[in-house]
Amino acid sequence: MTSVVNRAIIADVSPVEVEVVVAHRDRATLRLGDVFLKIDADQSRTDVEVRAMALAPVLTPRILWRDPPVLALAAVPGTALGHLGELSTESPAAWAAAGAAIRLLHDAPLPPWPGRDLDDLATRLAGECEWLVDNDILPVDVVTPNRRLAETALRPWTPVFIHGDLQIDHVFVAGDKVTGIIDWSEGAPGDALYDLATLTLGHPEHLEDVMAGYGGEVDRDLIHAWWSLRSLTSVRWLVEHGYGPPEGYPEVAVLRSFP
């Protein structure tokens, strides 16, 4: 790790402090000034990230170097559109700009690798719902109606180029312009509504702003279904990675608000 850190700061006059952005069993992200070091145990995810950024018609982080298992990226300017569980202070115009950037991505040619399998998604949803109930994480009267809603998202769709993990923290803006979209390891062909739902999860008040930038007719009910599915399938990971009591998760708040 020392050689990695030295390599990251070699262009700087003086060393900078190491900030741990994310750290768990699968991967870690460190920040050193304007450099991010992404360390991933599964290099296939990094392969996808590099390829997806090269193909995406939107602003992405600049790759500084790659020395497996480390990928070094330059920080993008601006600030995150917001954070899950917190009110966003960004303007409706910034949210609309995010919607327009997503439309550019979804209109781009498909990446040449497979996306998520519907049967796998259905199997995962069923397993996660059973785990939530069997381990008394959430009551049946919360899990069951959300599962019914989530299952409506699992229908055939026309695939588009999706980001695949378009959390609000992954979209950076300055004023009313998108300055970069980060974390592309889930980029693949998929359902356009999944990206739109992921971005607006926990921020339903900005859904119309995003749609104004995205344009066209969108099935809001299916976006709600993806909200439920993403939340149901996220809780166990958060519990097992030490993110505190489930009642404090924004995803749980979403589940309690639907349907």
Protein backbone atom coordinates (compact mmCIF):
# COMPACT_ATOMS: atom_id res chain seq x y z
CA MET A 1 0.00 0.00 0.00
CA THR A 2 2.88 2.40 0.70
CA SER A 3 4.06 2.21 -2.92
CA VAL A 4 0.50 2.84 -4.13
CA VAL A 5 0.15 5.92 -1.93
CA ASN A 6 3.53 7.26 -3.05
CA ARG A 7 2.62 6.74 -6.67
CA ALA A 8 -0.66 8.62 -6.17
CA ILE A 9 1.01 11.71 -4.72
CA ILE A 10 4.14 11.78 -6.82
CA ALA A 11 2.84 14.73 -8.82
CA ASP A 12 2.19 16.72 -5.65
CA VAL A 13 4.81 18.78 -3.87
CA SER A 14 3.87 17.52 -0.42
CA PRO A 15 2.10 14.39 0.87
CA VAL A 16 -1.62 14.54 1.57
CA GLU A 17 -3.73 12.77 4.15
CA VAL A 18 -5.37 9.49 3.25
CA GLU A 19 -9.17 9.57 3.52
CA VAL A 20 -11.03 6.25 3.60
CA VAL A 21 -14.12 6.80 1.47
CA VAL A 22 -15.41 3.21 1.44
CA ALA A 23 -13.96 0.09 3.01
CA HIS A 24 -15.45 -3.39 3.29
CA ARG A 25 -14.54 -6.99 2.45
CA ASP A 26 -15.04 -6.66 -1.30
CA ARG A 27 -13.51 -3.30 -2.07
CA ALA A 28 -12.10 -0.06 -0.71
CA THR A 29 -11.78 3.48 -2.01
CA LEU A 30 -9.15 5.88 -0.68
CA ARG A 31 -8.81 9.58 -1.42
CA LEU A 32 -5.50 11.40 -1.52
CA GLY A 33 -6.09 15.02 -2.47
CA ASP A 34 -7.54 14.98 -5.98
CA VAL A 35 -6.77 11.28 -6.54
CA PHE A 36 -9.06 8.35 -5.75
CA LEU A 37 -7.60 4.85 -5.39
CA LYS A 38 -10.14 2.08 -5.94
CA ILE A 39 -9.02 -1.33 -4.68
CA ASP A 40 -11.26 -4.22 -5.72
CA ALA A 41 -10.91 -7.93 -4.96
CA ASP A 42 -12.81 -8.74 -8.17
CA GLN A 43 -10.95 -7.34 -11.15
CA SER A 44 -13.86 -8.14 -13.47
CA ARG A 45 -15.73 -5.25 -11.82
CA THR A 46 -12.81 -2.94 -12.53
CA ASP A 47 -12.67 -4.20 -16.11
CA VAL A 48 -16.33 -3.24 -16.54
CA GLU A 49 -15.77 0.16 -14.91
CA VAL A 50 -12.91 1.04 -17.25
CA ARG A 51 -14.76 -0.14 -20.35
CA ALA A 52 -18.04 1.53 -19.37
CA MET A 53 -16.36 4.89 -18.76
CA ALA A 54 -14.70 4.68 -22.16
CA LEU A 55 -18.05 4.09 -23.88
CA ALA A 56 -20.31 6.43 -21.88
CA PRO A 57 -21.24 9.69 -23.67
CA VAL A 58 -21.25 11.64 -20.40
CA LEU A 59 -18.53 13.13 -18.22
CA THR A 60 -16.68 10.50 -16.18
CA PRO A 61 -13.53 10.49 -13.99
CA ARG A 62 -10.19 10.58 -15.80
CA ILE A 63 -8.20 7.38 -15.40
CA LEU A 64 -4.70 8.19 -14.13
CA TRP A 65 -3.34 4.66 -14.08
CA ARG A 66 -4.26 1.06 -13.35
CA ASP A 67 -2.08 -1.41 -11.51
CA PRO A 68 -4.32 -4.33 -10.39
CA PRO A 69 -5.90 -4.46 -7.94
CA VAL A 70 -5.73 -0.64 -7.89
CA LEU A 71 -7.43 1.83 -10.22
CA ALA A 72 -6.42 5.48 -9.81
CA LEU A 73 -8.93 8.12 -10.87
CA ALA A 74 -8.87 11.91 -10.87
CA ALA A 75 -11.53 13.60 -8.78
CA VAL A 76 -14.36 15.16 -10.75
CA PRO A 77 -15.17 18.82 -10.05
CA GLY A 78 -18.33 19.95 -8.29
CA THR A 79 -20.26 18.29 -5.48
CA ALA A 80 -22.54 15.29 -5.21
CA LEU A 81 -26.16 15.94 -6.17
CA GLY A 82 -27.05 14.83 -2.67
CA HIS A 83 -26.91 11.96 -0.21
CA LEU A 84 -29.41 9.22 0.52
CA GLY A 85 -31.25 10.02 3.73
CA GLU A 86 -30.55 13.75 3.55
CA LEU A 87 -32.32 16.63 1.85
CA SER A 88 -30.64 17.72 -1.36
CA THR A 89 -29.74 21.40 -1.50
CA GLU A 90 -29.27 21.36 -5.27
CA SER A 91 -31.71 23.20 -7.53
CA PRO A 92 -34.46 21.64 -9.67
CA ALA A 93 -32.32 22.67 -12.67
CA ALA A 94 -29.43 20.54 -11.38
CA TRP A 95 -31.75 17.56 -11.02
CA ALA A 96 -33.08 18.17 -14.53
CA ALA A 97 -29.49 18.27 -15.82
CA ALA A 98 -28.94 14.87 -14.22
CA GLY A 99 -32.02 13.59 -16.05
CA ALA A 100 -30.68 14.93 -19.35
CA ALA A 101 -27.31 13.22 -18.77
CA ILE A 102 -29.08 9.93 -18.07
CA ARG A 103 -31.01 10.29 -21.32
CA LEU A 104 -27.71 10.73 -23.21
CA LEU A 105 -26.43 7.52 -21.65
CA HIS A 106 -29.61 5.57 -22.34
CA ASP A 107 -29.60 6.69 -25.98
CA ALA A 108 -26.01 5.49 -26.50
CA PRO A 109 -25.16 2.14 -28.16
CA LEU A 110 -25.35 -0.85 -25.82
CA PRO A 111 -22.12 -2.04 -24.21
CA PRO A 112 -21.01 -5.41 -25.63
CA TRP A 113 -21.45 -7.47 -22.46
CA PRO A 114 -24.54 -8.99 -20.84
CA GLY A 115 -26.78 -7.29 -18.32
CA ARG A 116 -28.72 -8.64 -15.38
CA ASP A 117 -30.78 -11.79 -15.83
CA LEU A 118 -34.46 -11.52 -14.88
CA ASP A 119 -34.52 -14.95 -13.28
CA ASP A 120 -31.48 -14.11 -11.16
CA LEU A 121 -33.11 -10.87 -10.01
CA ALA A 122 -36.31 -12.71 -9.09
CA THR A 123 -34.37 -15.36 -7.18
CA ARG A 124 -32.41 -12.73 -5.29
CA LEU A 125 -35.55 -10.76 -4.43
CA ALA A 126 -37.24 -13.87 -3.04
CA GLY A 127 -34.19 -14.81 -0.97
CA GLU A 128 -33.73 -11.32 0.46
CA CYS A 129 -37.40 -11.04 1.42
CA GLU A 130 -37.29 -14.40 3.20
CA TRP A 131 -34.14 -13.34 5.06
CA LEU A 132 -35.70 -10.06 6.19
CA VAL A 133 -38.68 -11.87 7.69
CA ASP A 134 -36.86 -14.95 9.06
CA ASN A 135 -34.36 -12.74 10.90
CA ASP A 136 -36.99 -10.32 12.23
CA ILE A 137 -35.38 -7.42 10.39
CA LEU A 138 -38.69 -6.17 8.99
CA PRO A 139 -42.28 -7.28 9.63
CA VAL A 140 -44.25 -9.29 7.09
CA ASP A 141 -46.73 -6.46 6.61
CA VAL A 142 -43.87 -4.28 5.29
CA VAL A 143 -42.03 -6.93 3.27
CA THR A 144 -44.99 -8.61 1.56
CA PRO A 145 -46.63 -5.59 -0.13
CA ASN A 146 -43.25 -4.23 -1.16
CA ARG A 147 -42.32 -7.60 -2.63
CA ARG A 148 -45.53 -7.64 -4.65
CA LEU A 149 -44.76 -4.16 -5.93
CA ALA A 150 -41.11 -5.02 -6.65
CA GLU A 151 -42.10 -8.07 -8.69
CA THR A 152 -43.89 -5.83 -11.20
CA ALA A 153 -40.49 -4.38 -12.17
CA LEU A 154 -39.34 -7.84 -13.24
CA ARG A 155 -40.87 -7.87 -16.69
CA PRO A 156 -39.25 -7.88 -20.14
CA TRP A 157 -37.76 -4.52 -21.10
CA THR A 158 -35.93 -3.04 -24.06
CA PRO A 159 -32.33 -2.80 -22.83
CA VAL A 160 -30.41 0.46 -22.84
CA PHE A 161 -26.93 1.41 -21.64
CA ILE A 162 -27.43 1.88 -17.90
CA HIS A 163 -25.03 3.00 -15.18
CA GLY A 164 -26.40 0.28 -12.91
CA ASP A 165 -25.61 1.97 -9.58
CA LEU A 166 -26.70 5.55 -10.16
CA GLN A 167 -26.93 6.58 -6.54
CA ILE A 168 -27.39 10.28 -5.86
CA ASP A 169 -23.83 10.36 -4.44
CA HIS A 170 -22.47 9.24 -7.81
CA VAL A 171 -23.71 12.27 -9.79
CA PHE A 172 -21.65 15.46 -9.40
CA VAL A 173 -22.89 18.91 -10.32
CA ALA A 174 -21.76 22.54 -10.28
CA GLY A 175 -24.63 24.99 -10.48
CA ASP A 176 -27.07 23.51 -12.96
CA LYS A 177 -24.52 21.41 -14.88
CA VAL A 178 -23.43 17.79 -14.43
CA THR A 179 -19.66 17.71 -13.98
CA GLY A 180 -19.19 13.95 -13.76
CA ILE A 181 -20.72 10.58 -12.97
CA ILE A 182 -18.62 8.11 -10.98
CA ASP A 183 -18.54 4.40 -10.04
CA TRP A 184 -19.29 2.53 -13.28
CA SER A 185 -18.61 -1.07 -12.20
CA GLU A 186 -22.28 -2.03 -12.74
CA GLY A 187 -22.55 -0.47 -16.19
CA ALA A 188 -24.38 -2.84 -18.57
CA PRO A 189 -27.45 -3.25 -20.76
CA GLY A 190 -30.52 -2.96 -18.54
CA ASP A 191 -33.82 -1.28 -17.75
CA ALA A 192 -33.75 2.50 -18.13
CA LEU A 193 -36.19 2.85 -15.24
CA TYR A 194 -33.72 1.20 -12.87
CA ASP A 195 -31.26 4.10 -13.28
CA LEU A 196 -34.02 6.67 -12.83
CA ALA A 197 -35.30 4.88 -9.74
CA THR A 198 -31.84 4.52 -8.21
CA LEU A 199 -31.10 8.23 -8.62
CA THR A 200 -34.40 9.30 -7.05
CA LEU A 201 -34.56 6.66 -4.29
CA GLY A 202 -35.41 8.49 -1.08
CA HIS A 203 -35.92 11.75 -3.03
CA PRO A 204 -39.36 11.38 -4.62
CA GLU A 205 -39.79 15.15 -4.51
CA HIS A 206 -37.21 15.42 -7.32
CA LEU A 207 -38.62 12.74 -9.61
CA GLU A 208 -40.49 15.28 -11.72
CA ASP A 209 -37.35 17.43 -12.02
CA VAL A 210 -35.39 14.44 -13.30
CA MET A 211 -38.19 13.55 -15.71
CA ALA A 212 -38.23 17.12 -17.04
CA GLY A 213 -34.58 16.73 -18.07
CA TYR A 214 -34.95 13.12 -19.20
CA GLY A 215 -37.94 13.78 -21.45
CA GLY A 216 -40.55 11.40 -22.79
CA GLU A 217 -43.20 9.33 -21.08
CA VAL A 218 -42.05 7.20 -18.14
CA ASP A 219 -44.07 4.71 -16.09
CA ARG A 220 -43.90 6.14 -12.57
CA ASP A 221 -45.43 2.98 -11.08
CA LEU A 222 -42.48 0.94 -12.35
CA ILE A 223 -40.05 3.46 -10.85
CA HIS A 224 -41.84 2.94 -7.52
CA ALA A 225 -41.47 -0.82 -8.06
CA TRP A 226 -37.71 -0.45 -8.55
CA TRP A 227 -37.56 1.67 -5.37
CA SER A 228 -39.04 -1.26 -3.47
CA LEU A 229 -36.83 -3.85 -5.15
CA ARG A 230 -33.59 -1.95 -4.61
CA SER A 231 -34.49 -1.28 -0.97
CA LEU A 232 -35.50 -4.88 -0.25
CA THR A 233 -32.28 -6.19 -1.76
CA SER A 234 -30.00 -3.68 -0.01
CA VAL A 235 -30.90 -4.13 3.64
CA ARG A 236 -29.08 -7.42 4.29
CA TRP A 237 -25.83 -6.09 2.77
CA LEU A 238 -26.02 -3.01 4.98
CA VAL A 239 -26.67 -5.11 8.08
CA GLU A 240 -23.82 -7.53 7.34
CA HIS A 241 -21.38 -4.69 6.66
CA GLY A 242 -22.03 -2.91 9.94
CA TYR A 243 -24.11 0.08 8.90
CA GLY A 244 -26.00 0.19 12.18
CA PRO A 245 -29.61 -0.64 13.14
CA PRO A 246 -31.85 -1.24 10.12
CA GLU A 247 -34.49 1.18 11.39
CA GLY A 248 -32.06 3.99 10.63
CA TYR A 249 -31.59 3.02 6.96
CA PRO A 250 -33.15 5.32 4.34
CA GLU A 251 -34.05 2.15 2.41
CA VAL A 252 -36.20 1.00 5.31
CA ALA A 253 -37.93 4.38 5.37
CA VAL A 254 -38.71 3.89 1.67
CA LEU A 255 -40.15 0.44 2.33
CA ARG A 256 -42.33 1.76 5.13
CA SER A 257 -43.71 4.46 2.83
CA PHE A 258 -44.86 1.99 0.15
CA PRO A 259 -47.12 0.80 -1.24
